[in-house]
Amino acid sequence: MTLPRDDLAAGLAARRELGPDYDAAFADVIAARFEEHLAARQGAAPLPAPAPRPLPRARRTGRDHSLTLLIVSLVISVPLTAISVSMGGPGAVTLVWLALVVLNVSYMHRPRRD
C-alpha cells in the first residue's frame, strides 16, 4: 500500500488556499493517513483515529458598511441643511440633524448575524 501522492498534493493545495486557520485540522488528517499507512505496512490493526478537532469558524466575508453610511450621511447633510434653513428655519435644521444622528446610531447598534 502506498500513500497516494496526488491526494497529498491536493491536500497541500487546499491547505494553502484555506490559510493558517486550518493548519491543525490538516496536520491531523495527514498524521492519521500516515498512521494508517504504517499500520497496514506492519500488518497490525490500524490505530483508532483521534477525534477530529472542530474546524475554526470561517471568516466573515460580509462587509461592514458603517463608513459608507457615515460618508453618505455627511454628503446628504449639506443639501438637506440648506433646504431646511431656507424653508423651515432652525427647527427644521435640528430635525434633519437629529434624524441623521438617529440613523447612524441605530445602524451602529443593530444586531449582527455571525
N, C-alpha and C. Protein backbone atom coordinates (compact mmCIF):
# COMPACT_ATOMS: atom_id res chain seq x y z
N MET A 1 0.85 -1.17 0.00
CA MET A 1 0.00 0.00 0.00
C MET A 1 0.90 1.24 0.00
N THR A 2 0.65 2.15 -0.90
CA THR A 2 1.43 3.38 -0.97
C THR A 2 0.52 4.57 -0.71
N LEU A 3 1.12 5.59 -0.18
CA LEU A 3 0.35 6.82 0.03
C LEU A 3 0.20 7.52 -1.32
N PRO A 4 -1.01 7.82 -1.71
CA PRO A 4 -1.20 8.48 -2.99
C PRO A 4 -0.64 9.91 -2.96
N ARG A 5 0.33 10.14 -3.81
CA ARG A 5 0.96 11.46 -3.86
C ARG A 5 -0.03 12.52 -4.36
N ASP A 6 -0.95 12.11 -5.22
CA ASP A 6 -1.94 13.08 -5.71
C ASP A 6 -2.82 13.59 -4.58
N ASP A 7 -3.19 12.69 -3.64
CA ASP A 7 -4.01 13.10 -2.51
C ASP A 7 -3.25 14.10 -1.62
N LEU A 8 -1.97 13.80 -1.38
CA LEU A 8 -1.18 14.71 -0.57
C LEU A 8 -1.00 16.06 -1.25
N ALA A 9 -0.76 16.05 -2.55
CA ALA A 9 -0.60 17.30 -3.28
C ALA A 9 -1.89 18.11 -3.26
N ALA A 10 -3.02 17.44 -3.41
CA ALA A 10 -4.31 18.15 -3.36
C ALA A 10 -4.56 18.70 -1.95
N GLY A 11 -4.19 17.93 -0.94
CA GLY A 11 -4.34 18.40 0.43
C GLY A 11 -3.48 19.63 0.72
N LEU A 12 -2.24 19.62 0.22
CA LEU A 12 -1.38 20.79 0.41
C LEU A 12 -1.93 22.01 -0.32
N ALA A 13 -2.46 21.80 -1.51
CA ALA A 13 -3.04 22.92 -2.25
C ALA A 13 -4.25 23.48 -1.51
N ALA A 14 -5.07 22.60 -0.96
CA ALA A 14 -6.24 23.06 -0.20
C ALA A 14 -5.81 23.80 1.06
N ARG A 15 -4.75 23.33 1.72
CA ARG A 15 -4.24 24.00 2.91
C ARG A 15 -3.75 25.40 2.59
N ARG A 16 -3.06 25.55 1.48
CA ARG A 16 -2.60 26.89 1.07
C ARG A 16 -3.78 27.81 0.80
N GLU A 17 -4.81 27.25 0.20
CA GLU A 17 -5.99 28.06 -0.15
C GLU A 17 -6.78 28.46 1.09
N LEU A 18 -6.90 27.57 2.06
CA LEU A 18 -7.70 27.84 3.26
C LEU A 18 -6.98 28.74 4.25
N GLY A 19 -5.67 28.73 4.24
CA GLY A 19 -4.93 29.61 5.13
C GLY A 19 -4.53 28.93 6.42
N PRO A 20 -3.86 29.67 7.29
CA PRO A 20 -3.29 29.08 8.51
C PRO A 20 -4.31 28.68 9.56
N ASP A 21 -5.56 29.10 9.42
CA ASP A 21 -6.58 28.72 10.41
C ASP A 21 -6.85 27.22 10.41
N TYR A 22 -6.56 26.56 9.32
CA TYR A 22 -6.87 25.14 9.18
C TYR A 22 -5.64 24.25 9.31
N ASP A 23 -4.50 24.80 9.76
CA ASP A 23 -3.27 24.01 9.87
C ASP A 23 -3.43 22.81 10.79
N ALA A 24 -4.07 23.00 11.94
CA ALA A 24 -4.21 21.90 12.90
C ALA A 24 -5.06 20.77 12.32
N ALA A 25 -6.16 21.12 11.67
CA ALA A 25 -7.02 20.10 11.07
C ALA A 25 -6.28 19.37 9.95
N PHE A 26 -5.53 20.11 9.15
CA PHE A 26 -4.76 19.50 8.06
C PHE A 26 -3.71 18.54 8.63
N ALA A 27 -3.01 18.96 9.69
CA ALA A 27 -1.99 18.10 10.30
C ALA A 27 -2.62 16.82 10.86
N ASP A 28 -3.81 16.92 11.46
CA ASP A 28 -4.48 15.74 11.99
C ASP A 28 -4.81 14.74 10.89
N VAL A 29 -5.29 15.24 9.76
CA VAL A 29 -5.65 14.36 8.65
C VAL A 29 -4.41 13.67 8.09
N ILE A 30 -3.33 14.43 7.90
CA ILE A 30 -2.10 13.84 7.35
C ILE A 30 -1.52 12.82 8.33
N ALA A 31 -1.52 13.14 9.63
CA ALA A 31 -0.99 12.20 10.62
C ALA A 31 -1.81 10.91 10.64
N ALA A 32 -3.14 11.03 10.54
CA ALA A 32 -3.99 9.83 10.52
C ALA A 32 -3.69 8.97 9.30
N ARG A 33 -3.47 9.60 8.14
CA ARG A 33 -3.14 8.83 6.93
C ARG A 33 -1.81 8.09 7.08
N PHE A 34 -0.81 8.78 7.65
CA PHE A 34 0.49 8.13 7.84
C PHE A 34 0.37 6.96 8.83
N GLU A 35 -0.39 7.15 9.91
CA GLU A 35 -0.56 6.07 10.88
C GLU A 35 -1.26 4.87 10.24
N GLU A 36 -2.26 5.12 9.42
CA GLU A 36 -2.93 4.02 8.71
C GLU A 36 -1.96 3.31 7.78
N HIS A 37 -1.16 4.09 7.10
CA HIS A 37 -0.18 3.51 6.17
C HIS A 37 0.85 2.66 6.91
N LEU A 38 1.37 3.17 8.03
CA LEU A 38 2.36 2.42 8.80
C LEU A 38 1.75 1.16 9.41
N ALA A 39 0.52 1.27 9.90
CA ALA A 39 -0.14 0.10 10.49
C ALA A 39 -0.38 -0.97 9.43
N ALA A 40 -0.78 -0.56 8.24
CA ALA A 40 -1.00 -1.53 7.17
C ALA A 40 0.32 -2.17 6.74
N ARG A 41 1.37 -1.39 6.74
CA ARG A 41 2.68 -1.91 6.34
C ARG A 41 3.20 -2.93 7.35
N GLN A 42 2.91 -2.72 8.64
CA GLN A 42 3.37 -3.63 9.68
C GLN A 42 2.43 -4.82 9.86
N GLY A 43 1.29 -4.79 9.22
CA GLY A 43 0.34 -5.88 9.33
C GLY A 43 -0.51 -5.81 10.59
N ALA A 44 -0.42 -4.76 11.32
CA ALA A 44 -1.20 -4.62 12.55
C ALA A 44 -2.52 -3.95 12.23
N ALA A 45 -3.40 -4.04 13.18
CA ALA A 45 -4.68 -3.36 13.01
C ALA A 45 -4.43 -1.85 13.07
N PRO A 46 -5.17 -1.10 12.29
CA PRO A 46 -4.96 0.35 12.31
C PRO A 46 -5.32 0.95 13.66
N LEU A 47 -4.57 1.96 14.02
CA LEU A 47 -4.83 2.65 15.28
C LEU A 47 -6.16 3.39 15.19
N PRO A 48 -6.87 3.49 16.30
CA PRO A 48 -8.12 4.26 16.24
C PRO A 48 -7.82 5.72 15.91
N ALA A 49 -8.65 6.26 15.07
CA ALA A 49 -8.45 7.65 14.64
C ALA A 49 -8.79 8.58 15.79
N PRO A 50 -7.95 9.59 16.00
CA PRO A 50 -8.29 10.55 17.06
C PRO A 50 -9.52 11.35 16.67
N ALA A 51 -10.20 11.83 17.68
CA ALA A 51 -11.39 12.64 17.41
C ALA A 51 -10.97 13.89 16.65
N PRO A 52 -11.64 14.17 15.55
CA PRO A 52 -11.24 15.35 14.78
C PRO A 52 -11.51 16.63 15.55
N ARG A 53 -10.60 17.56 15.39
CA ARG A 53 -10.79 18.87 16.02
C ARG A 53 -11.84 19.64 15.24
N PRO A 54 -12.62 20.43 15.95
CA PRO A 54 -13.60 21.24 15.21
C PRO A 54 -12.87 22.28 14.36
N LEU A 55 -13.36 22.46 13.16
CA LEU A 55 -12.75 23.44 12.28
C LEU A 55 -13.04 24.85 12.78
N PRO A 56 -12.08 25.74 12.63
CA PRO A 56 -12.36 27.11 13.05
C PRO A 56 -13.44 27.73 12.19
N ARG A 57 -14.15 28.68 12.76
CA ARG A 57 -15.21 29.34 12.01
C ARG A 57 -14.61 30.10 10.84
N ALA A 58 -15.31 30.04 9.75
CA ALA A 58 -14.85 30.78 8.58
C ALA A 58 -14.96 32.27 8.87
N ARG A 59 -14.03 32.99 8.30
CA ARG A 59 -14.08 34.43 8.49
C ARG A 59 -15.27 35.00 7.77
N ARG A 60 -15.81 36.02 8.39
CA ARG A 60 -16.98 36.66 7.81
C ARG A 60 -16.58 37.40 6.55
N THR A 61 -17.29 37.12 5.48
CA THR A 61 -16.98 37.79 4.23
C THR A 61 -17.84 39.01 4.01
N GLY A 62 -18.87 39.14 4.83
CA GLY A 62 -19.74 40.30 4.69
C GLY A 62 -18.99 41.57 5.05
N ARG A 63 -19.34 42.63 4.41
CA ARG A 63 -18.67 43.89 4.65
C ARG A 63 -19.45 44.72 5.67
N ASP A 64 -18.71 45.52 6.38
CA ASP A 64 -19.32 46.46 7.30
C ASP A 64 -19.46 47.79 6.57
N HIS A 65 -20.66 48.26 6.44
CA HIS A 65 -20.94 49.46 5.65
C HIS A 65 -21.02 50.71 6.52
N SER A 66 -20.44 50.69 7.70
CA SER A 66 -20.53 51.82 8.62
C SER A 66 -19.89 53.07 8.03
N LEU A 67 -18.70 52.93 7.47
CA LEU A 67 -18.01 54.08 6.91
C LEU A 67 -18.78 54.63 5.71
N THR A 68 -19.32 53.75 4.89
CA THR A 68 -20.10 54.20 3.73
C THR A 68 -21.32 54.99 4.18
N LEU A 69 -22.04 54.49 5.18
CA LEU A 69 -23.20 55.20 5.68
C LEU A 69 -22.82 56.55 6.26
N LEU A 70 -21.70 56.61 6.96
CA LEU A 70 -21.24 57.87 7.53
C LEU A 70 -20.94 58.90 6.44
N ILE A 71 -20.23 58.49 5.41
CA ILE A 71 -19.87 59.40 4.33
C ILE A 71 -21.11 59.87 3.58
N VAL A 72 -22.02 58.94 3.29
CA VAL A 72 -23.26 59.32 2.59
C VAL A 72 -24.08 60.27 3.45
N SER A 73 -24.13 60.03 4.76
CA SER A 73 -24.87 60.92 5.65
C SER A 73 -24.29 62.33 5.63
N LEU A 74 -22.97 62.41 5.65
CA LEU A 74 -22.34 63.74 5.63
C LEU A 74 -22.58 64.45 4.30
N VAL A 75 -22.51 63.71 3.20
CA VAL A 75 -22.73 64.32 1.88
C VAL A 75 -24.17 64.79 1.76
N ILE A 76 -25.11 64.00 2.24
CA ILE A 76 -26.53 64.37 2.13
C ILE A 76 -26.90 65.47 3.12
N SER A 77 -26.15 65.56 4.21
CA SER A 77 -26.50 66.57 5.22
C SER A 77 -26.34 68.00 4.70
N VAL A 78 -25.41 68.23 3.78
CA VAL A 78 -25.20 69.59 3.27
C VAL A 78 -26.44 70.12 2.54
N PRO A 79 -26.94 69.41 1.51
CA PRO A 79 -28.14 69.94 0.86
C PRO A 79 -29.38 69.92 1.75
N LEU A 80 -29.51 68.90 2.60
CA LEU A 80 -30.67 68.87 3.50
C LEU A 80 -30.66 70.03 4.47
N THR A 81 -29.48 70.40 4.96
CA THR A 81 -29.38 71.55 5.85
C THR A 81 -29.75 72.84 5.12
N ALA A 82 -29.25 72.99 3.91
CA ALA A 82 -29.56 74.20 3.14
C ALA A 82 -31.06 74.31 2.85
N ILE A 83 -31.66 73.20 2.48
CA ILE A 83 -33.10 73.21 2.20
C ILE A 83 -33.89 73.50 3.47
N SER A 84 -33.51 72.87 4.59
CA SER A 84 -34.26 73.08 5.83
C SER A 84 -34.10 74.50 6.36
N VAL A 85 -32.94 75.13 6.16
CA VAL A 85 -32.75 76.52 6.60
C VAL A 85 -33.63 77.45 5.78
N SER A 86 -33.66 77.23 4.46
CA SER A 86 -34.42 78.14 3.60
C SER A 86 -35.93 77.95 3.74
N MET A 87 -36.38 76.76 4.08
CA MET A 87 -37.82 76.51 4.11
C MET A 87 -38.40 76.43 5.51
N GLY A 88 -37.61 75.97 6.48
CA GLY A 88 -38.22 75.72 7.78
C GLY A 88 -37.58 76.42 8.95
N GLY A 89 -36.39 76.94 8.79
CA GLY A 89 -35.74 77.63 9.90
C GLY A 89 -34.95 76.70 10.79
N PRO A 90 -34.58 77.20 11.98
CA PRO A 90 -33.71 76.43 12.87
C PRO A 90 -34.35 75.13 13.38
N GLY A 91 -35.64 75.10 13.53
CA GLY A 91 -36.31 73.86 13.99
C GLY A 91 -36.17 72.74 12.98
N ALA A 92 -36.27 73.09 11.71
CA ALA A 92 -36.13 72.09 10.65
C ALA A 92 -34.69 71.57 10.57
N VAL A 93 -33.71 72.46 10.78
CA VAL A 93 -32.30 72.04 10.77
C VAL A 93 -32.06 71.05 11.90
N THR A 94 -32.58 71.37 13.07
CA THR A 94 -32.43 70.46 14.21
C THR A 94 -33.06 69.11 13.92
N LEU A 95 -34.22 69.11 13.32
CA LEU A 95 -34.91 67.86 12.99
C LEU A 95 -34.11 67.04 11.98
N VAL A 96 -33.54 67.68 10.96
CA VAL A 96 -32.75 66.98 9.94
C VAL A 96 -31.52 66.34 10.58
N TRP A 97 -30.79 67.12 11.39
CA TRP A 97 -29.58 66.58 12.01
C TRP A 97 -29.90 65.51 13.04
N LEU A 98 -30.99 65.65 13.74
CA LEU A 98 -31.41 64.62 14.69
C LEU A 98 -31.73 63.32 13.96
N ALA A 99 -32.40 63.43 12.82
CA ALA A 99 -32.72 62.23 12.03
C ALA A 99 -31.44 61.56 11.53
N LEU A 100 -30.45 62.32 11.09
CA LEU A 100 -29.19 61.74 10.63
C LEU A 100 -28.44 61.06 11.77
N VAL A 101 -28.44 61.67 12.94
CA VAL A 101 -27.77 61.06 14.10
C VAL A 101 -28.48 59.77 14.49
N VAL A 102 -29.80 59.78 14.54
CA VAL A 102 -30.56 58.57 14.90
C VAL A 102 -30.30 57.46 13.89
N LEU A 103 -30.25 57.80 12.61
CA LEU A 103 -29.98 56.80 11.57
C LEU A 103 -28.62 56.15 11.78
N ASN A 104 -27.59 56.96 11.99
CA ASN A 104 -26.24 56.41 12.16
C ASN A 104 -26.09 55.62 13.45
N VAL A 105 -26.65 56.12 14.53
CA VAL A 105 -26.54 55.40 15.81
C VAL A 105 -27.31 54.09 15.77
N SER A 106 -28.49 54.10 15.17
CA SER A 106 -29.26 52.85 15.10
C SER A 106 -28.56 51.83 14.20
N TYR A 107 -27.87 52.28 13.16
CA TYR A 107 -27.13 51.33 12.31
C TYR A 107 -25.95 50.74 13.08
N MET A 108 -25.28 51.55 13.88
CA MET A 108 -24.11 51.06 14.61
C MET A 108 -24.50 50.06 15.71
N HIS A 109 -25.73 50.17 16.22
CA HIS A 109 -26.16 49.27 17.31
C HIS A 109 -27.14 48.21 16.85
N ARG A 110 -27.17 47.93 15.57
CA ARG A 110 -28.07 46.91 15.06
C ARG A 110 -27.56 45.53 15.47
N PRO A 111 -28.44 44.54 15.57
CA PRO A 111 -27.98 43.18 15.87
C PRO A 111 -27.22 42.61 14.68
N ARG A 112 -26.11 41.98 14.95
CA ARG A 112 -25.28 41.42 13.88
C ARG A 112 -25.48 39.93 13.80
N ARG A 113 -25.49 39.43 12.57
CA ARG A 113 -25.57 37.98 12.34
C ARG A 113 -24.16 37.44 12.20
N ASP A 114 -23.80 36.49 13.04
CA ASP A 114 -22.45 35.89 12.95
C ASP A 114 -22.50 34.53 12.36
